[in-house]
Amino acid sequence: ETDAEYMGIKSKFLQDKIHPRLKRLEKFAAGKQHILDDNIHLVDFFLYQVLYLISKIDDTIFSAYPNLFHQMRTFEAIPEIKAYHETETFKTKPILTPNVALKMAPGPRTVTKL
């Protein structure tokens, strides 16, 4: 796949699958420190992981979702999470999904079915 094809697939995926879900979550998250209320729950860990992965697909996406962006930053500010993110154990790349591997090399990006 060429860069243009990749960007088309990515754009369609974000528009059709991600934005509708983020819009609903954005409304639900309004006025809360964490997704359910002001206390942290297990679901906040799962939500953070999903939001983090989405941010790696599009690093500007959360400019349209300030409540979700706030929740990500609130989660990252938890002292134990912040400390973990500063270790060598925490890896920001590569990120692979079960169905698709994105080749992150210079030049054209390719999408390969696993």
PDB file of N, CA and C in Angstrom:
ATOM      1  N   GLU A   1       0.831  -1.170   0.000  1.00  0.00           N
ATOM      2  CA  GLU A   1       0.000   0.000   0.000  1.00  0.00           C
ATOM      3  C   GLU A   1       0.884   1.245   0.000  1.00  0.00           C
ATOM      4  N   THR A   2       0.444   2.249  -0.710  1.00  0.00           N
ATOM      5  CA  THR A   2       1.183   3.507  -0.746  1.00  0.00           C
ATOM      6  C   THR A   2       0.782   4.371   0.447  1.00  0.00           C
ATOM      7  N   ASP A   3       1.524   5.458   0.648  1.00  0.00           N
ATOM      8  CA  ASP A   3       1.178   6.387   1.725  1.00  0.00           C
ATOM      9  C   ASP A   3      -0.238   6.920   1.546  1.00  0.00           C
ATOM     10  N   ALA A   4      -0.618   7.245   0.318  1.00  0.00           N
ATOM     11  CA  ALA A   4      -1.963   7.774   0.054  1.00  0.00           C
ATOM     12  C   ALA A   4      -3.031   6.731   0.385  1.00  0.00           C
ATOM     13  N   GLU A   5      -2.788   5.486   0.012  1.00  0.00           N
ATOM     14  CA  GLU A   5      -3.750   4.415   0.329  1.00  0.00           C
ATOM     15  C   GLU A   5      -3.848   4.224   1.838  1.00  0.00           C
ATOM     16  N   TYR A   6      -2.709   4.209   2.498  1.00  0.00           N
ATOM     17  CA  TYR A   6      -2.681   4.064   3.956  1.00  0.00           C
ATOM     18  C   TYR A   6      -3.467   5.185   4.618  1.00  0.00           C
ATOM     19  N   MET A   7      -3.208   6.421   4.196  1.00  0.00           N
ATOM     20  CA  MET A   7      -3.892   7.568   4.789  1.00  0.00           C
ATOM     21  C   MET A   7      -5.398   7.502   4.531  1.00  0.00           C
ATOM     22  N   GLY A   8      -5.801   7.010   3.380  1.00  0.00           N
ATOM     23  CA  GLY A   8      -7.225   6.846   3.084  1.00  0.00           C
ATOM     24  C   GLY A   8      -7.871   5.821   3.996  1.00  0.00           C
ATOM     25  N   ILE A   9      -7.204   4.691   4.181  1.00  0.00           N
ATOM     26  CA  ILE A   9      -7.708   3.636   5.071  1.00  0.00           C
ATOM     27  C   ILE A   9      -7.793   4.158   6.500  1.00  0.00           C
ATOM     28  N   LYS A  10      -6.733   4.838   6.919  1.00  0.00           N
ATOM     29  CA  LYS A  10      -6.685   5.385   8.281  1.00  0.00           C
ATOM     30  C   LYS A  10      -7.800   6.404   8.483  1.00  0.00           C
ATOM     31  N   SER A  11      -7.967   7.308   7.535  1.00  0.00           N
ATOM     32  CA  SER A  11      -8.991   8.343   7.640  1.00  0.00           C
ATOM     33  C   SER A  11     -10.391   7.738   7.723  1.00  0.00           C
ATOM     34  N   LYS A  12     -10.662   6.761   6.878  1.00  0.00           N
ATOM     35  CA  LYS A  12     -11.972   6.100   6.885  1.00  0.00           C
ATOM     36  C   LYS A  12     -12.205   5.375   8.206  1.00  0.00           C
ATOM     37  N   PHE A  13     -11.194   4.687   8.697  1.00  0.00           N
ATOM     38  CA  PHE A  13     -11.284   3.986   9.971  1.00  0.00           C
ATOM     39  C   PHE A  13     -11.599   4.956  11.109  1.00  0.00           C
ATOM     40  N   LEU A  14     -10.859   6.063  11.162  1.00  0.00           N
ATOM     41  CA  LEU A  14     -11.082   7.044  12.218  1.00  0.00           C
ATOM     42  C   LEU A  14     -12.481   7.648  12.105  1.00  0.00           C
ATOM     43  N   GLN A  15     -12.883   8.013  10.897  1.00  0.00           N
ATOM     44  CA  GLN A  15     -14.185   8.653  10.695  1.00  0.00           C
ATOM     45  C   GLN A  15     -15.342   7.699  10.986  1.00  0.00           C
ATOM     46  N   ASP A  16     -15.254   6.485  10.502  1.00  0.00           N
ATOM     47  CA  ASP A  16     -16.371   5.542  10.613  1.00  0.00           C
ATOM     48  C   ASP A  16     -16.431   4.812  11.949  1.00  0.00           C
ATOM     49  N   LYS A  17     -15.296   4.509  12.521  1.00  0.00           N
ATOM     50  CA  LYS A  17     -15.255   3.652  13.709  1.00  0.00           C
ATOM     51  C   LYS A  17     -14.891   4.386  15.000  1.00  0.00           C
ATOM     52  N   ILE A  18     -13.924   5.277  14.925  1.00  0.00           N
ATOM     53  CA  ILE A  18     -13.387   5.878  16.150  1.00  0.00           C
ATOM     54  C   ILE A  18     -14.140   7.128  16.580  1.00  0.00           C
ATOM     55  N   HIS A  19     -14.309   8.082  15.687  1.00  0.00           N
ATOM     56  CA  HIS A  19     -14.955   9.342  16.072  1.00  0.00           C
ATOM     57  C   HIS A  19     -16.364   9.154  16.658  1.00  0.00           C
ATOM     58  N   PRO A  20     -17.230   8.321  16.081  1.00  0.00           N
ATOM     59  CA  PRO A  20     -18.556   8.155  16.695  1.00  0.00           C
ATOM     60  C   PRO A  20     -18.487   7.656  18.137  1.00  0.00           C
ATOM     61  N   ARG A  21     -17.565   6.764  18.415  1.00  0.00           N
ATOM     62  CA  ARG A  21     -17.425   6.232  19.776  1.00  0.00           C
ATOM     63  C   ARG A  21     -16.819   7.268  20.722  1.00  0.00           C
ATOM     64  N   LEU A  22     -15.827   8.004  20.222  1.00  0.00           N
ATOM     65  CA  LEU A  22     -15.219   9.031  21.059  1.00  0.00           C
ATOM     66  C   LEU A  22     -16.217  10.144  21.387  1.00  0.00           C
ATOM     67  N   LYS A  23     -17.089  10.478  20.450  1.00  0.00           N
ATOM     68  CA  LYS A  23     -18.105  11.506  20.709  1.00  0.00           C
ATOM     69  C   LYS A  23     -19.015  11.088  21.862  1.00  0.00           C
ATOM     70  N   ARG A  24     -19.427   9.824  21.869  1.00  0.00           N
ATOM     71  CA  ARG A  24     -20.278   9.334  22.967  1.00  0.00           C
ATOM     72  C   ARG A  24     -19.514   9.341  24.291  1.00  0.00           C
ATOM     73  N   LEU A  25     -18.278   8.861  24.263  1.00  0.00           N
ATOM     74  CA  LEU A  25     -17.464   8.848  25.482  1.00  0.00           C
ATOM     75  C   LEU A  25     -17.186  10.258  25.987  1.00  0.00           C
ATOM     76  N   GLU A  26     -16.966  11.184  25.066  1.00  0.00           N
ATOM     77  CA  GLU A  26     -16.691  12.570  25.435  1.00  0.00           C
ATOM     78  C   GLU A  26     -17.835  13.145  26.259  1.00  0.00           C
ATOM     79  N   LYS A  27     -19.067  12.904  25.823  1.00  0.00           N
ATOM     80  CA  LYS A  27     -20.232  13.390  26.568  1.00  0.00           C
ATOM     81  C   LYS A  27     -20.325  12.712  27.934  1.00  0.00           C
ATOM     82  N   PHE A  28     -20.086  11.415  27.958  1.00  0.00           N
ATOM     83  CA  PHE A  28     -20.172  10.650  29.202  1.00  0.00           C
ATOM     84  C   PHE A  28     -19.108  11.101  30.211  1.00  0.00           C
ATOM     85  N   ALA A  29     -17.936  11.485  29.701  1.00  0.00           N
ATOM     86  CA  ALA A  29     -16.807  11.836  30.565  1.00  0.00           C
ATOM     87  C   ALA A  29     -16.888  13.252  31.130  1.00  0.00           C
ATOM     88  N   ALA A  30     -17.791  14.052  30.629  1.00  0.00           N
ATOM     89  CA  ALA A  30     -17.860  15.468  31.033  1.00  0.00           C
ATOM     90  C   ALA A  30     -18.008  15.623  32.544  1.00  0.00           C
ATOM     91  N   GLY A  31     -17.150  16.444  33.105  1.00  0.00           N
ATOM     92  CA  GLY A  31     -17.251  16.787  34.519  1.00  0.00           C
ATOM     93  C   GLY A  31     -16.716  15.759  35.492  1.00  0.00           C
ATOM     94  N   LYS A  32     -16.047  14.732  34.979  1.00  0.00           N
ATOM     95  CA  LYS A  32     -15.526  13.679  35.864  1.00  0.00           C
ATOM     96  C   LYS A  32     -14.006  13.605  35.740  1.00  0.00           C
ATOM     97  N   GLN A  33     -13.374  13.234  36.832  1.00  0.00           N
ATOM     98  CA  GLN A  33     -11.932  13.005  36.801  1.00  0.00           C
ATOM     99  C   GLN A  33     -11.597  11.697  36.066  1.00  0.00           C
ATOM    100  N   HIS A  34     -12.416  10.704  36.281  1.00  0.00           N
ATOM    101  CA  HIS A  34     -12.245   9.401  35.635  1.00  0.00           C
ATOM    102  C   HIS A  34     -13.564   9.041  34.966  1.00  0.00           C
ATOM    103  N   ILE A  35     -13.607   7.960  34.208  1.00  0.00           N
ATOM    104  CA  ILE A  35     -14.759   7.704  33.343  1.00  0.00           C
ATOM    105  C   ILE A  35     -16.068   7.481  34.102  1.00  0.00           C
ATOM    106  N   LEU A  36     -16.033   6.869  35.271  1.00  0.00           N
ATOM    107  CA  LEU A  36     -17.271   6.622  36.014  1.00  0.00           C
ATOM    108  C   LEU A  36     -17.611   7.744  36.981  1.00  0.00           C
ATOM    109  N   ASP A  37     -16.595   8.257  37.666  1.00  0.00           N
ATOM    110  CA  ASP A  37     -16.784   9.315  38.656  1.00  0.00           C
ATOM    111  C   ASP A  37     -15.414   9.880  38.983  1.00  0.00           C
ATOM    112  N   ASP A  38     -15.250  10.463  40.131  1.00  0.00           N
ATOM    113  CA  ASP A  38     -13.960  11.060  40.487  1.00  0.00           C
ATOM    114  C   ASP A  38     -12.986  10.071  41.124  1.00  0.00           C
ATOM    115  N   ASN A  39     -13.397   8.820  41.250  1.00  0.00           N
ATOM    116  CA  ASN A  39     -12.515   7.770  41.789  1.00  0.00           C
ATOM    117  C   ASN A  39     -12.022   6.900  40.645  1.00  0.00           C
ATOM    118  N   ILE A  40     -10.826   6.365  40.809  1.00  0.00           N
ATOM    119  CA  ILE A  40     -10.290   5.492  39.764  1.00  0.00           C
ATOM    120  C   ILE A  40     -10.856   4.084  39.923  1.00  0.00           C
ATOM    121  N   HIS A  41     -11.176   3.472  38.796  1.00  0.00           N
ATOM    122  CA  HIS A  41     -11.717   2.117  38.759  1.00  0.00           C
ATOM    123  C   HIS A  41     -10.945   1.314  37.717  1.00  0.00           C
ATOM    124  N   LEU A  42     -11.113   0.028  37.731  1.00  0.00           N
ATOM    125  CA  LEU A  42     -10.421  -0.836  36.770  1.00  0.00           C
ATOM    126  C   LEU A  42     -10.705  -0.417  35.330  1.00  0.00           C
ATOM    127  N   VAL A  43     -11.915  -0.005  35.045  1.00  0.00           N
ATOM    128  CA  VAL A  43     -12.267   0.397  33.686  1.00  0.00           C
ATOM    129  C   VAL A  43     -11.412   1.573  33.205  1.00  0.00           C
ATOM    130  N   ASP A  44     -10.920   2.406  34.103  1.00  0.00           N
ATOM    131  CA  ASP A  44     -10.067   3.528  33.714  1.00  0.00           C
ATOM    132  C   ASP A  44      -8.747   3.051  33.111  1.00  0.00           C
ATOM    133  N   PHE A  45      -8.239   1.927  33.593  1.00  0.00           N
ATOM    134  CA  PHE A  45      -7.015   1.363  33.036  1.00  0.00           C
ATOM    135  C   PHE A  45      -7.255   0.875  31.612  1.00  0.00           C
ATOM    136  N   PHE A  46      -8.378   0.210  31.402  1.00  0.00           N
ATOM    137  CA  PHE A  46      -8.716  -0.268  30.059  1.00  0.00           C
ATOM    138  C   PHE A  46      -8.954   0.906  29.108  1.00  0.00           C
ATOM    139  N   LEU A  47      -9.704   1.885  29.582  1.00  0.00           N
ATOM    140  CA  LEU A  47      -9.990   3.056  28.759  1.00  0.00           C
ATOM    141  C   LEU A  47      -8.700   3.779  28.386  1.00  0.00           C
ATOM    142  N   TYR A  48      -7.808   3.954  29.345  1.00  0.00           N
ATOM    143  CA  TYR A  48      -6.545   4.635  29.046  1.00  0.00           C
ATOM    144  C   TYR A  48      -5.787   3.909  27.942  1.00  0.00           C
ATOM    145  N   GLN A  49      -5.730   2.594  28.032  1.00  0.00           N
ATOM    146  CA  GLN A  49      -4.990   1.831  27.017  1.00  0.00           C
ATOM    147  C   GLN A  49      -5.579   2.056  25.630  1.00  0.00           C
ATOM    148  N   VAL A  50      -6.900   2.050  25.526  1.00  0.00           N
ATOM    149  CA  VAL A  50      -7.554   2.268  24.230  1.00  0.00           C
ATOM    150  C   VAL A  50      -7.283   3.689  23.735  1.00  0.00           C
ATOM    151  N   LEU A  51      -7.442   4.673  24.615  1.00  0.00           N
ATOM    152  CA  LEU A  51      -7.200   6.056  24.216  1.00  0.00           C
ATOM    153  C   LEU A  51      -5.746   6.275  23.823  1.00  0.00           C
ATOM    154  N   TYR A  52      -4.843   5.645  24.547  1.00  0.00           N
ATOM    155  CA  TYR A  52      -3.414   5.748  24.233  1.00  0.00           C
ATOM    156  C   TYR A  52      -3.140   5.192  22.835  1.00  0.00           C
ATOM    157  N   LEU A  53      -3.711   4.035  22.521  1.00  0.00           N
ATOM    158  CA  LEU A  53      -3.506   3.443  21.201  1.00  0.00           C
ATOM    159  C   LEU A  53      -4.092   4.325  20.103  1.00  0.00           C
ATOM    160  N   ILE A  54      -5.255   4.888  20.354  1.00  0.00           N
ATOM    161  CA  ILE A  54      -5.861   5.794  19.376  1.00  0.00           C
ATOM    162  C   ILE A  54      -4.961   7.010  19.159  1.00  0.00           C
ATOM    163  N   SER A  55      -4.376   7.520  20.232  1.00  0.00           N
ATOM    164  CA  SER A  55      -3.493   8.682  20.101  1.00  0.00           C
ATOM    165  C   SER A  55      -2.253   8.358  19.276  1.00  0.00           C
ATOM    166  N   LYS A  56      -1.864   7.100  19.225  1.00  0.00           N
ATOM    167  CA  LYS A  56      -0.720   6.706  18.407  1.00  0.00           C
ATOM    168  C   LYS A  56      -1.096   6.604  16.929  1.00  0.00           C
ATOM    169  N   ILE A  57      -2.357   6.393  16.652  1.00  0.00           N
ATOM    170  CA  ILE A  57      -2.835   6.382  15.265  1.00  0.00           C
ATOM    171  C   ILE A  57      -2.953   7.811  14.747  1.00  0.00           C
ATOM    172  N   ASP A  58      -3.466   8.702  15.602  1.00  0.00           N
ATOM    173  CA  ASP A  58      -3.640  10.108  15.238  1.00  0.00           C
ATOM    174  C   ASP A  58      -3.321  10.957  16.469  1.00  0.00           C
ATOM    175  N   ASP A  59      -2.163  11.603  16.454  1.00  0.00           N
ATOM    176  CA  ASP A  59      -1.720  12.336  17.645  1.00  0.00           C
ATOM    177  C   ASP A  59      -2.449  13.661  17.865  1.00  0.00           C
ATOM    178  N   THR A  60      -3.346  14.047  16.961  1.00  0.00           N
ATOM    179  CA  THR A  60      -4.112  15.279  17.145  1.00  0.00           C
ATOM    180  C   THR A  60      -5.582  15.015  17.467  1.00  0.00           C
ATOM    181  N   ILE A  61      -5.978  13.776  17.519  1.00  0.00           N
ATOM    182  CA  ILE A  61      -7.398  13.422  17.625  1.00  0.00           C
ATOM    183  C   ILE A  61      -8.070  13.991  18.872  1.00  0.00           C
ATOM    184  N   PHE A  62      -7.340  14.091  19.969  1.00  0.00           N
ATOM    185  CA  PHE A  62      -7.977  14.504  21.219  1.00  0.00           C
ATOM    186  C   PHE A  62      -8.150  16.009  21.340  1.00  0.00           C
ATOM    187  N   SER A  63      -7.709  16.762  20.336  1.00  0.00           N
ATOM    188  CA  SER A  63      -8.015  18.195  20.339  1.00  0.00           C
ATOM    189  C   SER A  63      -9.523  18.407  20.215  1.00  0.00           C
ATOM    190  N   ALA A  64     -10.229  17.438  19.643  1.00  0.00           N
ATOM    191  CA  ALA A  64     -11.691  17.508  19.501  1.00  0.00           C
ATOM    192  C   ALA A  64     -12.418  16.917  20.708  1.00  0.00           C
ATOM    193  N   TYR A  65     -11.678  16.332  21.641  1.00  0.00           N
ATOM    194  CA  TYR A  65     -12.284  15.646  22.784  1.00  0.00           C
ATOM    195  C   TYR A  65     -11.580  16.063  24.075  1.00  0.00           C
ATOM    196  N   PRO A  66     -11.813  17.292  24.543  1.00  0.00           N
ATOM    197  CA  PRO A  66     -11.072  17.779  25.719  1.00  0.00           C
ATOM    198  C   PRO A  66     -11.341  16.994  27.005  1.00  0.00           C
ATOM    199  N   ASN A  67     -12.539  16.457  27.183  1.00  0.00           N
ATOM    200  CA  ASN A  67     -12.809  15.675  28.399  1.00  0.00           C
ATOM    201  C   ASN A  67     -11.996  14.386  28.410  1.00  0.00           C
ATOM    202  N   LEU A  68     -11.901  13.725  27.271  1.00  0.00           N
ATOM    203  CA  LEU A  68     -11.112  12.489  27.194  1.00  0.00           C
ATOM    204  C   LEU A  68      -9.622  12.797  27.321  1.00  0.00           C
ATOM    205  N   PHE A  69      -9.184  13.906  26.725  1.00  0.00           N
ATOM    206  CA  PHE A  69      -7.791  14.312  26.857  1.00  0.00           C
ATOM    207  C   PHE A  69      -7.467  14.571  28.333  1.00  0.00           C
ATOM    208  N   HIS A  70      -8.375  15.260  29.027  1.00  0.00           N
ATOM    209  CA  HIS A  70      -8.187  15.519  30.458  1.00  0.00           C
ATOM    210  C   HIS A  70      -8.096  14.205  31.241  1.00  0.00           C
ATOM    211  N   GLN A  71      -8.947  13.248  30.902  1.00  0.00           N
ATOM    212  CA  GLN A  71      -8.903  11.966  31.606  1.00  0.00           C
ATOM    213  C   GLN A  71      -7.589  11.235  31.358  1.00  0.00           C
ATOM    214  N   MET A  72      -7.081  11.305  30.134  1.00  0.00           N
ATOM    215  CA  MET A  72      -5.781  10.678  29.856  1.00  0.00           C
ATOM    216  C   MET A  72      -4.687  11.313  30.706  1.00  0.00           C
ATOM    217  N   ARG A  73      -4.665  12.640  30.734  1.00  0.00           N
ATOM    218  CA  ARG A  73      -3.631  13.341  31.499  1.00  0.00           C
ATOM    219  C   ARG A  73      -3.794  13.104  33.001  1.00  0.00           C
ATOM    220  N   THR A  74      -5.018  13.041  33.480  1.00  0.00           N
ATOM    221  CA  THR A  74      -5.267  12.753  34.899  1.00  0.00           C
ATOM    222  C   THR A  74      -4.746  11.364  35.243  1.00  0.00           C
ATOM    223  N   PHE A  75      -5.007  10.382  34.377  1.00  0.00           N
ATOM    224  CA  PHE A  75      -4.530   9.018  34.596  1.00  0.00           C
ATOM    225  C   PHE A  75      -3.001   8.986  34.599  1.00  0.00           C
ATOM    226  N   GLU A  76      -2.393   9.667  33.622  1.00  0.00           N
ATOM    227  CA  GLU A  76      -0.928   9.673  33.525  1.00  0.00           C
ATOM    228  C   GLU A  76      -0.269  10.381  34.706  1.00  0.00           C
ATOM    229  N   ALA A  77      -1.006  11.250  35.389  1.00  0.00           N
ATOM    230  CA  ALA A  77      -0.456  11.986  36.522  1.00  0.00           C
ATOM    231  C   ALA A  77      -0.498  11.203  37.833  1.00  0.00           C
ATOM    232  N   ILE A  78      -1.175  10.058  37.845  1.00  0.00           N
ATOM    233  CA  ILE A  78      -1.166   9.213  39.044  1.00  0.00           C
ATOM    234  C   ILE A  78       0.292   8.849  39.312  1.00  0.00           C
ATOM    235  N   PRO A  79       0.791   9.099  40.521  1.00  0.00           N
ATOM    236  CA  PRO A  79       2.228   8.919  40.780  1.00  0.00           C
ATOM    237  C   PRO A  79       2.792   7.565  40.335  1.00  0.00           C
ATOM    238  N   GLU A  80       2.068   6.488  40.587  1.00  0.00           N
ATOM    239  CA  GLU A  80       2.578   5.162  40.206  1.00  0.00           C
ATOM    240  C   GLU A  80       2.602   4.989  38.679  1.00  0.00           C
ATOM    241  N   ILE A  81       1.616   5.547  37.991  1.00  0.00           N
ATOM    242  CA  ILE A  81       1.582   5.471  36.527  1.00  0.00           C
ATOM    243  C   ILE A  81       2.693   6.333  35.946  1.00  0.00           C
ATOM    244  N   LYS A  82       2.837   7.535  36.477  1.00  0.00           N
ATOM    245  CA  LYS A  82       3.894   8.431  36.013  1.00  0.00           C
ATOM    246  C   LYS A  82       5.269   7.795  36.199  1.00  0.00           C
ATOM    247  N   ALA A  83       5.493   7.185  37.344  1.00  0.00           N
ATOM    248  CA  ALA A  83       6.771   6.523  37.608  1.00  0.00           C
ATOM    249  C   ALA A  83       7.006   5.379  36.624  1.00  0.00           C
ATOM    250  N   TYR A  84       5.960   4.598  36.350  1.00  0.00           N
ATOM    251  CA  TYR A  84       6.091   3.501  35.387  1.00  0.00           C
ATOM    252  C   TYR A  84       6.414   4.025  33.999  1.00  0.00           C
ATOM    253  N   HIS A  85       5.761   5.092  33.576  1.00  0.00           N
ATOM    254  CA  HIS A  85       6.005   5.662  32.240  1.00  0.00           C
ATOM    255  C   HIS A  85       7.433   6.168  32.091  1.00  0.00           C
ATOM    256  N   GLU A  86       8.098   6.429  33.186  1.00  0.00           N
ATOM    257  CA  GLU A  86       9.476   6.916  33.145  1.00  0.00           C
ATOM    258  C   GLU A  86      10.507   5.793  33.166  1.00  0.00           C
ATOM    259  N   THR A  87      10.059   4.543  33.243  1.00  0.00           N
ATOM    260  CA  THR A  87      10.990   3.411  33.266  1.00  0.00           C
ATOM    261  C   THR A  87      11.294   2.921  31.858  1.00  0.00           C
ATOM    262  N   GLU A  88      12.337   2.109  31.747  1.00  0.00           N
ATOM    263  CA  GLU A  88      12.665   1.491  30.459  1.00  0.00           C
ATOM    264  C   GLU A  88      11.669   0.390  30.098  1.00  0.00           C
ATOM    265  N   THR A  89      10.939  -0.110  31.067  1.00  0.00           N
ATOM    266  CA  THR A  89       9.948  -1.164  30.832  1.00  0.00           C
ATOM    267  C   THR A  89       8.795  -0.651  29.981  1.00  0.00           C
ATOM    268  N   PHE A  90       8.429   0.620  30.188  1.00  0.00           N
ATOM    269  CA  PHE A  90       7.337   1.209  29.425  1.00  0.00           C
ATOM    270  C   PHE A  90       7.809   1.501  28.012  1.00  0.00           C
ATOM    271  N   LYS A  91       7.140   0.911  27.054  1.00  0.00           N
ATOM    272  CA  LYS A  91       7.514   1.093  25.656  1.00  0.00           C
ATOM    273  C   LYS A  91       6.397   1.817  24.924  1.00  0.00           C
ATOM    274  N   THR A  92       6.769   2.811  24.145  1.00  0.00           N
ATOM    275  CA  THR A  92       5.774   3.545  23.385  1.00  0.00           C
ATOM    276  C   THR A  92       5.601   2.988  21.980  1.00  0.00           C
ATOM    277  N   LYS A  93       6.556   2.215  21.488  1.00  0.00           N
ATOM    278  CA  LYS A  93       6.488   1.597  20.154  1.00  0.00           C
ATOM    279  C   LYS A  93       7.236   0.286  20.210  1.00  0.00           C
ATOM    280  N   PRO A  94       7.016  -0.634  19.372  1.00  0.00           N
ATOM    281  CA  PRO A  94       5.966  -0.668  18.356  1.00  0.00           C
ATOM    282  C   PRO A  94       4.632  -1.064  18.966  1.00  0.00           C
ATOM    283  N   ILE A  95       3.585  -0.703  18.297  1.00  0.00           N
ATOM    284  CA  ILE A  95       2.242  -1.068  18.728  1.00  0.00           C
ATOM    285  C   ILE A  95       1.647  -1.931  17.627  1.00  0.00           C
ATOM    286  N   LEU A  96       1.286  -3.140  17.972  1.00  0.00           N
ATOM    287  CA  LEU A  96       0.706  -4.066  17.005  1.00  0.00           C
ATOM    288  C   LEU A  96      -0.671  -4.477  17.472  1.00  0.00           C
ATOM    289  N   THR A  97      -1.600  -4.563  16.557  1.00  0.00           N
ATOM    290  CA  THR A  97      -2.930  -5.072  16.862  1.00  0.00           C
ATOM    291  C   THR A  97      -2.980  -6.532  16.451  1.00  0.00           C
ATOM    292  N   PRO A  98      -3.970  -7.267  16.900  1.00  0.00           N
ATOM    293  CA  PRO A  98      -4.039  -8.682  16.518  1.00  0.00           C
ATOM    294  C   PRO A  98      -4.213  -8.904  15.014  1.00  0.00           C
ATOM    295  N   ASN A  99      -4.826  -7.961  14.292  1.00  0.00           N
ATOM    296  CA  ASN A  99      -5.143  -8.182  12.888  1.00  0.00           C
ATOM    297  C   ASN A  99      -4.227  -7.494  11.896  1.00  0.00           C
ATOM    298  N   VAL A 100      -3.602  -6.399  12.289  1.00  0.00           N
ATOM    299  CA  VAL A 100      -2.833  -5.619  11.336  1.00  0.00           C
ATOM    300  C   VAL A 100      -1.522  -5.183  11.973  1.00  0.00           C
ATOM    301  N   ALA A 101      -0.457  -5.290  11.213  1.00  0.00           N
ATOM    302  CA  ALA A 101       0.832  -4.768  11.638  1.00  0.00           C
ATOM    303  C   ALA A 101       1.173  -3.606  10.714  1.00  0.00           C
ATOM    304  N   LEU A 102       1.502  -2.452  11.277  1.00  0.00           N
ATOM    305  CA  LEU A 102       1.908  -1.311  10.475  1.00  0.00           C
ATOM    306  C   LEU A 102       3.424  -1.263  10.447  1.00  0.00           C
ATOM    307  N   LYS A 103       3.977  -1.274   9.273  1.00  0.00           N
ATOM    308  CA  LYS A 103       5.423  -1.216   9.131  1.00  0.00           C
ATOM    309  C   LYS A 103       5.849   0.241   9.283  1.00  0.00           C
ATOM    310  N   MET A 104       6.505   0.559  10.384  1.00  0.00           N
ATOM    311  CA  MET A 104       6.894   1.931  10.670  1.00  0.00           C
ATOM    312  C   MET A 104       8.354   2.155  10.277  1.00  0.00           C
ATOM    313  N   ALA A 105       8.608   2.169   9.010  1.00  0.00           N
ATOM    314  CA  ALA A 105       9.951   2.386   8.503  1.00  0.00           C
ATOM    315  C   ALA A 105       9.923   3.622   7.622  1.00  0.00           C
ATOM    316  N   PRO A 106      11.099   4.220   7.388  1.00  0.00           N
ATOM    317  CA  PRO A 106      11.110   5.361   6.471  1.00  0.00           C
ATOM    318  C   PRO A 106      10.547   4.942   5.109  1.00  0.00           C
ATOM    319  N   GLY A 107       9.911   5.859   4.462  1.00  0.00           N
ATOM    320  CA  GLY A 107       9.325   5.557   3.156  1.00  0.00           C
ATOM    321  C   GLY A 107       7.885   5.172   3.285  1.00  0.00           C
ATOM    322  N   PRO A 108       7.343   4.546   2.261  1.00  0.00           N
ATOM    323  CA  PRO A 108       5.905   4.198   2.270  1.00  0.00           C
ATOM    324  C   PRO A 108       5.569   3.230   3.399  1.00  0.00           C
ATOM    325  N   ARG A 109       4.422   3.475   3.999  1.00  0.00           N
ATOM    326  CA  ARG A 109       3.928   2.565   5.036  1.00  0.00           C
ATOM    327  C   ARG A 109       3.182   1.439   4.342  1.00  0.00           C
ATOM    328  N   THR A 110       3.272   0.262   4.913  1.00  0.00           N
ATOM    329  CA  THR A 110       2.541  -0.868   4.341  1.00  0.00           C
ATOM    330  C   THR A 110       1.647  -1.465   5.405  1.00  0.00           C
ATOM    331  N   VAL A 111       0.538  -1.974   4.970  1.00  0.00           N
ATOM    332  CA  VAL A 111      -0.391  -2.673   5.861  1.00  0.00           C
ATOM    333  C   VAL A 111      -0.318  -4.129   5.491  1.00  0.00           C
ATOM    334  N   THR A 112      -0.020  -4.957   6.479  1.00  0.00           N
ATOM    335  CA  THR A 112       0.142  -6.376   6.245  1.00  0.00           C
ATOM    336  C   THR A 112      -0.818  -7.149   7.127  1.00  0.00           C
ATOM    337  N   LYS A 113      -1.621  -8.011   6.529  1.00  0.00           N
ATOM    338  CA  LYS A 113      -2.498  -8.880   7.328  1.00  0.00           C
ATOM    339  C   LYS A 113      -1.625  -9.938   7.965  1.00  0.00           C
ATOM    340  N   LEU A 114      -1.861 -10.197   9.238  1.00  0.00           N
ATOM    341  CA  LEU A 114      -1.102 -11.251   9.938  1.00  0.00           C
ATOM    342  C   LEU A 114      -1.758 -12.586   9.758  1.00  0.00           C
TER     343      LEU A 114
END
